[in-house]
């Protein structure tokens, strides 16, 4: 195997690992593990439940809107599809990565409703994975779309 093929294989494996970890961490939010301690940081209140569910609801709406705005460009992988175009309309006028941020806010909302160390760990892990995924995706977008940097600098968040 040539050095070029080996490097591309490692890149592809890295992308698959990031996507797998992202979905795995998201799945862990919804599975109840009896053998993992769910020690609460502070006592959950009606306010924290309401606030957490409100964050989750708003983030779900933003997630659905961003998926609709991406249309055929939607992919779980950081590498843009071959026939993709740069989406700068809809919610993408205001932020570069609304789907990723929505996932983080959903995780944050779940943490607020549970207030446990376990969900804080999941939130932190998801933030790290998404940070790595965004960094990789932005490299691909800058290489594929010459106006990506101009777009990125023009959005507020």
Protein backbone atom coordinates (compact mmCIF):
# COMPACT_ATOMS: atom_id res chain seq x y z
CA UNK A 1 0.00 0.00 0.00
CA UNK A 2 1.36 3.40 -0.95
CA UNK A 3 1.89 6.16 1.58
CA UNK A 4 -0.95 8.17 0.01
CA UNK A 5 -3.44 5.30 0.27
CA UNK A 6 -2.34 4.58 3.82
CA UNK A 7 -2.88 8.22 4.83
CA UNK A 8 -6.35 8.29 3.21
CA UNK A 9 -7.26 5.03 4.94
CA UNK A 10 -6.27 6.51 8.31
CA UNK A 11 -8.30 9.65 7.60
CA UNK A 12 -11.35 7.58 6.68
CA UNK A 13 -10.95 5.45 9.81
CA UNK A 14 -10.66 8.60 11.95
CA UNK A 15 -13.88 9.98 10.43
CA UNK A 16 -15.73 6.71 11.06
CA UNK A 17 -14.49 6.60 14.66
CA UNK A 18 -15.65 10.18 15.29
CA UNK A 19 -19.10 9.47 13.84
CA UNK A 20 -19.39 6.21 15.79
CA UNK A 21 -18.37 7.90 19.06
CA UNK A 22 -20.79 10.77 18.45
CA UNK A 23 -23.75 8.42 17.93
CA UNK A 24 -22.64 6.15 20.79
CA UNK A 25 -22.48 9.05 23.26
CA UNK A 26 -25.87 10.30 22.07
CA UNK A 27 -27.30 6.80 22.54
CA UNK A 28 -25.89 6.63 26.08
CA UNK A 29 -28.07 9.62 26.99
CA UNK A 30 -31.17 7.49 26.47
CA UNK A 31 -30.07 4.17 27.95
CA UNK A 32 -30.36 3.56 31.65
CA UNK A 33 -27.44 1.57 33.00
CA UNK A 34 -28.08 0.14 36.45
CA UNK A 35 -24.39 -0.60 37.07
CA UNK A 36 -23.27 3.02 36.40
CA UNK A 37 -23.69 5.29 39.42
CA UNK A 38 -26.08 8.16 38.72
CA UNK A 39 -24.85 10.34 41.61
CA UNK A 40 -26.50 13.72 41.43
CA UNK A 41 -24.42 16.86 41.77
CA UNK A 42 -27.35 18.75 43.30
CA UNK A 43 -31.00 17.87 43.79
CA UNK A 44 -33.19 18.09 40.68
CA UNK A 45 -36.04 20.59 41.00
CA UNK A 46 -39.14 21.38 39.00
CA UNK A 47 -37.31 24.42 37.64
CA UNK A 48 -34.31 22.37 36.45
CA UNK A 49 -36.68 19.86 34.82
CA UNK A 50 -38.61 22.62 33.04
CA UNK A 51 -35.45 24.49 32.02
CA UNK A 52 -33.78 21.30 30.76
CA UNK A 53 -36.81 20.25 28.72
CA UNK A 54 -37.11 23.76 27.27
CA UNK A 55 -33.46 23.63 26.14
CA UNK A 56 -34.02 20.17 24.63
CA UNK A 57 -37.16 21.33 22.80
CA UNK A 58 -35.51 24.44 21.34
CA UNK A 59 -32.41 22.44 20.33
CA UNK A 60 -34.58 19.77 18.65
CA UNK A 61 -36.35 22.45 16.63
CA UNK A 62 -33.01 23.97 15.56
CA UNK A 63 -31.73 20.47 14.71
CA UNK A 64 -34.75 19.75 12.48
CA UNK A 65 -34.55 23.16 10.79
CA UNK A 66 -30.83 22.72 10.10
CA UNK A 67 -31.43 19.24 8.67
CA UNK A 68 -34.13 20.65 6.39
CA UNK A 69 -31.85 23.51 5.30
CA UNK A 70 -29.00 21.12 4.49
CA UNK A 71 -31.25 18.99 2.30
CA UNK A 72 -29.28 16.60 0.08
CA UNK A 73 -26.01 17.79 1.67
CA UNK A 74 -26.92 16.04 4.93
CA UNK A 75 -24.37 13.45 6.03
CA UNK A 76 -23.16 12.20 9.41
CA UNK A 77 -19.58 12.33 8.15
CA UNK A 78 -17.37 15.43 8.29
CA UNK A 79 -16.31 15.03 4.64
CA UNK A 80 -18.76 16.78 2.29
CA UNK A 81 -20.41 14.53 -0.28
CA UNK A 82 -19.13 14.71 -3.86
CA UNK A 83 -22.08 16.63 -5.29
CA UNK A 84 -22.61 18.90 -2.28
CA UNK A 85 -22.79 22.66 -2.26
CA UNK A 86 -22.09 25.21 0.47
CA UNK A 87 -25.32 26.01 2.33
CA UNK A 88 -25.44 29.62 3.53
CA UNK A 89 -29.20 30.18 3.69
CA UNK A 90 -31.78 29.54 6.38
CA UNK A 91 -30.31 28.88 9.80
CA UNK A 92 -26.86 28.66 8.19
CA UNK A 93 -26.96 32.45 7.73
CA UNK A 94 -26.42 32.74 11.48
CA UNK A 95 -24.15 29.82 12.37
CA UNK A 96 -21.84 27.38 10.59
CA UNK A 97 -22.67 24.24 12.54
CA UNK A 98 -26.22 24.39 13.94
CA UNK A 99 -26.68 20.60 13.98
CA UNK A 100 -23.57 20.05 16.07
CA UNK A 101 -24.49 22.86 18.46
CA UNK A 102 -28.03 21.45 18.73
CA UNK A 103 -26.65 18.07 19.77
CA UNK A 104 -24.55 19.76 22.44
CA UNK A 105 -27.55 21.73 23.70
CA UNK A 106 -29.70 18.59 23.78
CA UNK A 107 -27.00 16.90 25.85
CA UNK A 108 -26.84 19.98 28.09
CA UNK A 109 -30.62 19.89 28.51
CA UNK A 110 -30.50 16.23 29.51
CA UNK A 111 -27.75 17.07 31.99
CA UNK A 112 -29.88 19.87 33.48
CA UNK A 113 -32.83 17.49 33.94
CA UNK A 114 -30.65 14.83 35.61
CA UNK A 115 -27.89 16.91 37.25
CA UNK A 116 -25.64 13.88 37.59
CA UNK A 117 -21.94 13.34 37.12
CA UNK A 118 -22.67 10.67 34.49
CA UNK A 119 -24.54 13.13 32.25
CA UNK A 120 -21.89 15.78 32.82
CA UNK A 121 -19.34 13.23 31.58
CA UNK A 122 -21.50 12.51 28.51
CA UNK A 123 -21.89 16.24 27.80
CA UNK A 124 -18.15 16.82 28.09
CA UNK A 125 -17.35 13.80 25.92
CA UNK A 126 -19.82 14.88 23.24
CA UNK A 127 -18.36 18.41 23.24
CA UNK A 128 -14.88 17.00 22.67
CA UNK A 129 -15.98 14.68 19.85
CA UNK A 130 -17.92 17.45 18.14
CA UNK A 131 -14.99 19.87 18.49
CA UNK A 132 -12.74 17.34 16.74
CA UNK A 133 -15.39 16.70 14.09
CA UNK A 134 -15.90 20.41 13.40
CA UNK A 135 -12.15 20.96 13.05
CA UNK A 136 -11.91 18.15 10.51
CA UNK A 137 -15.05 19.23 8.66
CA UNK A 138 -13.82 22.80 8.36
CA UNK A 139 -10.58 21.63 6.73
CA UNK A 140 -12.61 19.72 4.15
CA UNK A 141 -14.97 22.66 3.58
CA UNK A 142 -12.09 25.11 3.09
CA UNK A 143 -10.52 22.78 0.52
CA UNK A 144 -13.76 22.14 -1.34
CA UNK A 145 -15.37 25.59 -1.22
CA UNK A 146 -13.09 28.55 -1.87
CA UNK A 147 -15.59 30.96 -0.29
CA UNK A 148 -15.99 28.94 2.95
CA UNK A 149 -13.60 31.11 4.97
CA UNK A 150 -15.44 34.25 3.87
CA UNK A 151 -18.75 32.61 4.87
CA UNK A 152 -17.35 31.42 8.20
CA UNK A 153 -16.04 34.88 9.07
CA UNK A 154 -19.41 36.42 8.15
CA UNK A 155 -21.56 34.38 10.53
CA UNK A 156 -21.93 35.39 14.16
CA UNK A 157 -21.78 31.99 15.89
